[in-house]
Each structure stands twice: as structure tokens, then as C-alpha cells.
């Protein structure tokens, strides 16, 4: 079983989460959908709707599913005309074969994988597509690696590829692609982004002060950052994709 303490911590910072978390590149979302058009897509673990809106922008119908009521409320506010269903990866409130695709935006690592795979396969039509997507900071930049260390941001693209080798017997082998992009943030927005991380949201006051102090020092003294009004935070968007048998 998965401990969901961290996974369910985000609702307290739902507004900031929606504001500061990076968006998903259109080409990454399109690749995840495997050439589908006018599809019915489930956004599982939809959070505040960042991925939901990206899929809608490509012309698809989206059904968001999210366990955290704070995140569902923010999704409704930020995504007019869309209401997220209360549910989880292990208990999706939809009938069998209801979806052409199930996408997951930076949430699959919270799932209890075996029951989640069974539920996702149940909800998908035969031949439907399952695709988790992650926005991962590009730690090949030295200062980004230091940011990840300070903020206890643990997962890396290589770690994800090694960890998730299949989606269980209901799915074909996984395909993988990666998409590079950048987001522009002020130093205050970098701190705002860090304050939406699960480590921060569940940390003690002392640990929060340490993160703030070390991050302020990094932004003020690193030669690639010092004195700049904005910084370019590089991302590698990793997509794993597989079809249901």
C-alpha cells in the first residue's frame, strides 16, 4: 500500500500550485495521446487542472478525477465548465470502457500501482492509451541540481525510466519520449514553486526556514543567477505511453 500523506498535502496550497507549477508542452501532450482526435480523456490525479486544460486545448473531452477536495475546488475555479470527480487511481468513478485515454500529470508515482493498473485497464476501451507524464527539472544544470537538493525534490527522469518498466499484464510494452522546455520565473516565484512541493507542505517550521535560507543564498550568490530579475528553469517532460490490450 502507498502512504498518501504527502500525496494529499497539496490541497492546502492549491492556488499557489496552480500558479507556480510548470505547464505541459503541447507536443508532449499530443504524443501522450498517440494520435487520437476528439477523444474522451480521463485526467487521473488531476490536481488543479493543469493537464486537463492542456488536453482541452487540443480539442478533447476531459474527465478529471482527483481525491483532494481543495485541489478539485481550485480546478473548478481555474477551468470554467469543468468539475472534477471525487475519486482516486485505485477507485475511478467511471464505468468500464468509458475512456479512449487515461493521462496522469506528475502523479503516477503516488499510485498504488497494482490496483491502479487494474482500474485504469477497466476504464479504458480495448486499444486505449495510458500515459503518465512528468515535468522534471533538468538537473544537468548545476544550479538546478542544487535547487533539487535544497528542496528535497527527489525524482529524476532517469530514476523514473528505471523504476517504471511496465504497466502490468493488461498493457502492451511501454514507449518513452522526452520533451525539453523552459519556464521563466522571478526569484520570488522560484520560492513560490518550492512551497508547493510535498516536502515543504509536510515539513517542520525549522525545515521550512532552512529551505528558505539556503534557496535565498543560492539565488543571490550563484553566478548564473545573482542579480537577475528572472531565471530560466529548464525542464525535461518525460512521457511513458502504452496501449491496453
Protein backbone atom coordinates (compact mmCIF):
# COMPACT_ATOMS: atom_id res chain seq x y z
CA UNK A 1 0.00 0.00 0.00
CA UNK A 2 1.07 3.58 -0.64
CA UNK A 3 1.25 6.18 2.15
CA UNK A 4 -0.83 9.07 0.76
CA UNK A 5 0.16 11.60 3.47
CA UNK A 6 2.34 13.54 1.04
CA UNK A 7 0.09 12.96 -1.95
CA UNK A 8 -2.87 14.53 -0.15
CA UNK A 9 -0.91 17.51 1.21
CA UNK A 10 -1.30 19.70 -1.87
CA UNK A 11 -4.84 20.95 -1.25
CA UNK A 12 -3.61 23.42 1.35
CA UNK A 13 -1.59 25.17 -1.37
CA UNK A 14 -3.94 24.59 -4.31
CA UNK A 15 -3.99 28.19 -5.57
CA UNK A 16 -0.19 28.52 -5.49
CA UNK A 17 0.15 25.06 -7.01
CA UNK A 18 -1.92 26.14 -9.99
CA UNK A 19 0.00 29.40 -10.29
CA UNK A 20 3.59 28.19 -9.96
CA UNK A 21 3.74 24.63 -11.26
CA UNK A 22 5.02 24.31 -14.86
CA UNK A 23 2.69 23.63 -17.77
CA UNK A 24 3.00 20.64 -20.09
CA UNK A 25 4.31 21.25 -23.62
CA UNK A 26 1.65 20.78 -26.30
CA UNK A 27 3.85 18.38 -28.24
CA UNK A 28 4.29 16.18 -25.14
CA UNK A 29 0.55 16.00 -24.52
CA UNK A 30 -0.09 15.26 -28.18
CA UNK A 31 2.45 12.43 -28.14
CA UNK A 32 0.89 11.00 -24.97
CA UNK A 33 -2.47 10.83 -26.75
CA UNK A 34 -0.95 8.70 -29.51
CA UNK A 35 -2.62 10.47 -32.43
CA UNK A 36 -6.15 10.40 -31.01
CA UNK A 37 -8.67 13.00 -32.16
CA UNK A 38 -11.91 14.05 -30.44
CA UNK A 39 -11.10 11.60 -27.66
CA UNK A 40 -12.64 11.15 -24.22
CA UNK A 41 -9.69 11.50 -21.87
CA UNK A 42 -9.54 10.84 -18.13
CA UNK A 43 -7.07 13.07 -16.27
CA UNK A 44 -6.33 10.86 -13.27
CA UNK A 45 -4.98 12.65 -10.21
CA UNK A 46 -5.94 15.85 -12.00
CA UNK A 47 -4.87 18.24 -9.24
CA UNK A 48 -5.77 21.82 -10.14
CA UNK A 49 -6.35 21.01 -13.81
CA UNK A 50 -3.04 21.99 -15.39
CA UNK A 51 -3.02 18.89 -17.60
CA UNK A 52 -6.81 18.97 -18.01
CA UNK A 53 -6.58 22.39 -19.66
CA UNK A 54 -3.70 21.29 -21.89
CA UNK A 55 -5.75 18.35 -23.16
CA UNK A 56 -8.83 20.52 -23.65
CA UNK A 57 -6.76 22.95 -25.70
CA UNK A 58 -6.12 20.11 -28.16
CA UNK A 59 -9.87 19.66 -28.66
CA UNK A 60 -10.55 16.62 -26.47
CA UNK A 61 -13.25 15.97 -23.88
CA UNK A 62 -11.65 15.62 -20.43
CA UNK A 63 -12.99 13.96 -17.29
CA UNK A 64 -10.77 14.99 -14.34
CA UNK A 65 -10.60 12.68 -11.32
CA UNK A 66 -8.99 13.96 -8.11
CA UNK A 67 -9.10 12.78 -4.45
CA UNK A 68 -8.26 16.09 -2.74
CA UNK A 69 -11.25 18.45 -2.27
CA UNK A 70 -9.03 21.54 -2.15
CA UNK A 71 -7.50 20.66 -5.50
CA UNK A 72 -10.91 19.92 -7.01
CA UNK A 73 -12.16 23.33 -5.89
CA UNK A 74 -9.17 25.08 -7.49
CA UNK A 75 -9.65 23.06 -10.68
CA UNK A 76 -13.28 24.21 -10.90
CA UNK A 77 -12.24 27.83 -10.36
CA UNK A 78 -9.43 27.74 -12.93
CA UNK A 79 -11.24 25.60 -15.52
CA UNK A 80 -14.69 27.06 -16.22
CA UNK A 81 -17.33 24.50 -17.12
CA UNK A 82 -15.31 21.58 -15.74
CA UNK A 83 -15.98 19.72 -12.49
CA UNK A 84 -13.57 17.08 -11.23
CA UNK A 85 -14.97 13.78 -9.98
CA UNK A 86 -14.02 12.70 -6.46
CA UNK A 87 -12.00 9.54 -6.88
CA UNK A 88 -8.55 8.00 -6.94
CA UNK A 89 -6.38 5.90 -9.21
CA UNK A 90 -7.41 2.84 -7.23
CA UNK A 91 -11.15 3.67 -7.37
CA UNK A 92 -12.16 5.54 -10.53
CA UNK A 93 -15.85 6.58 -10.52
CA UNK A 94 -16.46 5.70 -14.17
CA UNK A 95 -17.94 2.67 -15.96
CA UNK A 96 -15.98 0.03 -17.86
CA UNK A 97 -14.56 1.17 -21.20
CA UNK A 98 -15.52 4.80 -20.62
CA UNK A 99 -12.28 6.39 -21.88
CA UNK A 100 -10.17 6.45 -25.01
CA UNK A 101 -7.14 7.52 -22.95
CA UNK A 102 -6.07 7.95 -19.33
CA UNK A 103 -3.39 10.55 -18.67
CA UNK A 104 -1.63 11.31 -15.40
CA UNK A 105 0.24 14.56 -14.84
CA UNK A 106 3.10 14.26 -12.33
CA UNK A 107 1.07 12.00 -10.02
CA UNK A 108 1.67 8.39 -11.09
CA UNK A 109 4.44 7.95 -8.51
CA UNK A 110 1.78 8.35 -5.78
CA UNK A 111 -0.34 5.45 -7.07
CA UNK A 112 -0.67 2.02 -5.51
CA UNK A 113 0.39 0.57 -8.82
CA UNK A 114 -1.18 -2.90 -8.98
CA UNK A 115 -4.78 -1.89 -8.14
CA UNK A 116 -4.36 1.35 -10.11
CA UNK A 117 -3.32 -0.55 -13.24
CA UNK A 118 -6.37 -2.80 -12.91
CA UNK A 119 -8.69 0.23 -12.55
CA UNK A 120 -7.09 2.07 -15.46
CA UNK A 121 -7.41 -1.01 -17.68
CA UNK A 122 -11.07 -1.35 -16.65
CA UNK A 123 -11.88 2.26 -17.52
CA UNK A 124 -10.05 2.16 -20.87
CA UNK A 125 -11.59 0.77 -24.01
CA UNK A 126 -9.57 -2.00 -25.73
CA UNK A 127 -6.71 -0.34 -27.57
CA UNK A 128 -6.99 2.76 -25.40
CA UNK A 129 -3.88 4.60 -24.23
CA UNK A 130 -2.45 5.07 -20.75
CA UNK A 131 0.24 7.74 -20.37
CA UNK A 132 1.83 9.17 -17.22
CA UNK A 133 3.64 12.48 -17.75
CA UNK A 134 6.20 14.20 -15.53
CA UNK A 135 7.71 17.66 -15.63
CA UNK A 136 11.17 17.03 -14.18
CA UNK A 137 13.67 19.83 -13.56
CA UNK A 138 16.73 19.35 -15.74
CA UNK A 139 19.48 18.67 -13.21
CA UNK A 140 22.11 18.75 -15.89
CA UNK A 141 22.27 22.46 -14.98
CA UNK A 142 24.37 22.62 -11.80
CA UNK A 143 22.22 25.23 -10.07
CA UNK A 144 19.06 23.20 -10.76
CA UNK A 145 20.65 20.18 -9.11
CA UNK A 146 21.38 22.36 -6.09
CA UNK A 147 17.78 23.60 -6.06
CA UNK A 148 16.57 19.99 -6.04
CA UNK A 149 18.88 19.16 -3.14
CA UNK A 150 17.73 22.14 -1.07
CA UNK A 151 14.02 21.50 -1.69
CA UNK A 152 14.25 17.68 -1.33
CA UNK A 153 12.91 17.16 -4.84
CA UNK A 154 13.75 13.52 -5.25
CA UNK A 155 12.71 12.11 -8.58
CA UNK A 156 14.76 12.41 -11.76
CA UNK A 157 13.96 11.38 -15.32
CA UNK A 158 16.47 8.52 -15.18
CA UNK A 159 15.01 7.26 -11.93
CA UNK A 160 11.53 7.19 -13.42
CA UNK A 161 12.61 5.24 -16.50
CA UNK A 162 14.37 2.66 -14.34
CA UNK A 163 11.51 2.37 -11.85
CA UNK A 164 8.55 2.01 -14.20
CA UNK A 165 9.25 -0.72 -16.72
CA UNK A 166 5.67 -1.90 -17.36
CA UNK A 167 2.04 -1.18 -16.50
CA UNK A 168 1.05 -4.77 -15.79
CA UNK A 169 -0.40 -7.59 -17.89
CA UNK A 170 -3.30 -5.59 -19.33
CA UNK A 171 -0.95 -3.29 -21.26
CA UNK A 172 1.46 -3.53 -24.16
CA UNK A 173 5.13 -2.61 -23.63
CA UNK A 174 5.86 0.98 -22.65
CA UNK A 175 7.03 3.56 -25.17
CA UNK A 176 9.05 6.54 -23.97
CA UNK A 177 9.69 10.05 -25.21
CA UNK A 178 11.10 13.25 -23.70
CA UNK A 179 10.44 16.91 -24.45
CA UNK A 180 12.67 19.79 -23.35
CA UNK A 181 11.28 23.19 -22.39
CA UNK A 182 11.84 26.11 -20.01
CA UNK A 183 9.75 28.30 -17.76
CA UNK A 184 10.63 31.86 -16.73
CA UNK A 185 10.31 32.72 -13.03
CA UNK A 186 11.28 35.56 -10.74
CA UNK A 187 13.28 34.58 -7.63
CA UNK A 188 10.09 35.01 -5.56
CA UNK A 189 8.26 32.67 -7.95
CA UNK A 190 11.00 30.06 -7.57
CA UNK A 191 10.32 30.11 -3.82
CA UNK A 192 6.58 30.00 -4.52
CA UNK A 193 7.09 26.89 -6.64
CA UNK A 194 9.15 25.22 -3.89
CA UNK A 195 6.38 25.99 -1.40
CA UNK A 196 4.03 23.79 -3.44
CA UNK A 197 6.26 20.71 -3.08
CA UNK A 198 5.12 17.87 -0.82
CA UNK A 199 8.32 18.09 1.25
CA UNK A 200 7.65 21.73 2.11
CA UNK A 201 3.96 21.18 2.82
CA UNK A 202 4.70 18.44 5.35
CA UNK A 203 7.94 19.90 6.78
CA UNK A 204 8.51 21.37 10.22
CA UNK A 205 8.88 25.13 10.70
CA UNK A 206 12.61 24.67 11.20
CA UNK A 207 13.00 22.75 7.95
CA UNK A 208 10.98 25.36 6.10
CA UNK A 209 13.25 28.11 7.41
CA UNK A 210 16.30 26.14 6.33
CA UNK A 211 14.93 25.70 2.80
CA UNK A 212 14.12 29.42 2.53
CA UNK A 213 17.57 30.42 3.80
CA UNK A 214 19.50 28.08 1.51
CA UNK A 215 17.37 28.91 -1.51
CA UNK A 216 17.77 32.66 -0.96
CA UNK A 217 21.55 32.16 -0.74
CA UNK A 218 21.57 30.10 -3.96
CA UNK A 219 19.59 32.73 -5.87
CA UNK A 220 21.72 35.60 -4.54
CA UNK A 221 25.17 34.08 -4.98
CA UNK A 222 25.20 31.53 -7.80
CA UNK A 223 26.99 33.05 -10.82
CA UNK A 224 24.20 32.00 -13.20
CA UNK A 225 21.53 33.63 -11.02
CA UNK A 226 22.91 36.52 -8.96
CA UNK A 227 21.43 39.91 -9.77
CA UNK A 228 18.91 38.60 -12.29
CA UNK A 229 15.27 39.67 -12.21
CA UNK A 230 14.17 36.35 -13.73
CA UNK A 231 15.66 32.89 -14.13
CA UNK A 232 15.09 30.24 -16.78
CA UNK A 233 14.19 26.95 -15.10
CA UNK A 234 14.80 24.07 -17.54
CA UNK A 235 12.53 21.03 -17.62
CA UNK A 236 12.52 17.63 -19.25
CA UNK A 237 8.94 16.42 -19.76
CA UNK A 238 9.01 12.64 -19.68
CA UNK A 239 6.10 10.65 -21.15
CA UNK A 240 5.55 6.92 -20.75
CA UNK A 241 2.85 5.51 -23.04
CA UNK A 242 1.26 2.09 -23.50
CA UNK A 243 -1.88 0.73 -25.12
CA UNK A 244 -4.38 -1.51 -23.38
CA UNK A 245 -4.65 -5.00 -24.91
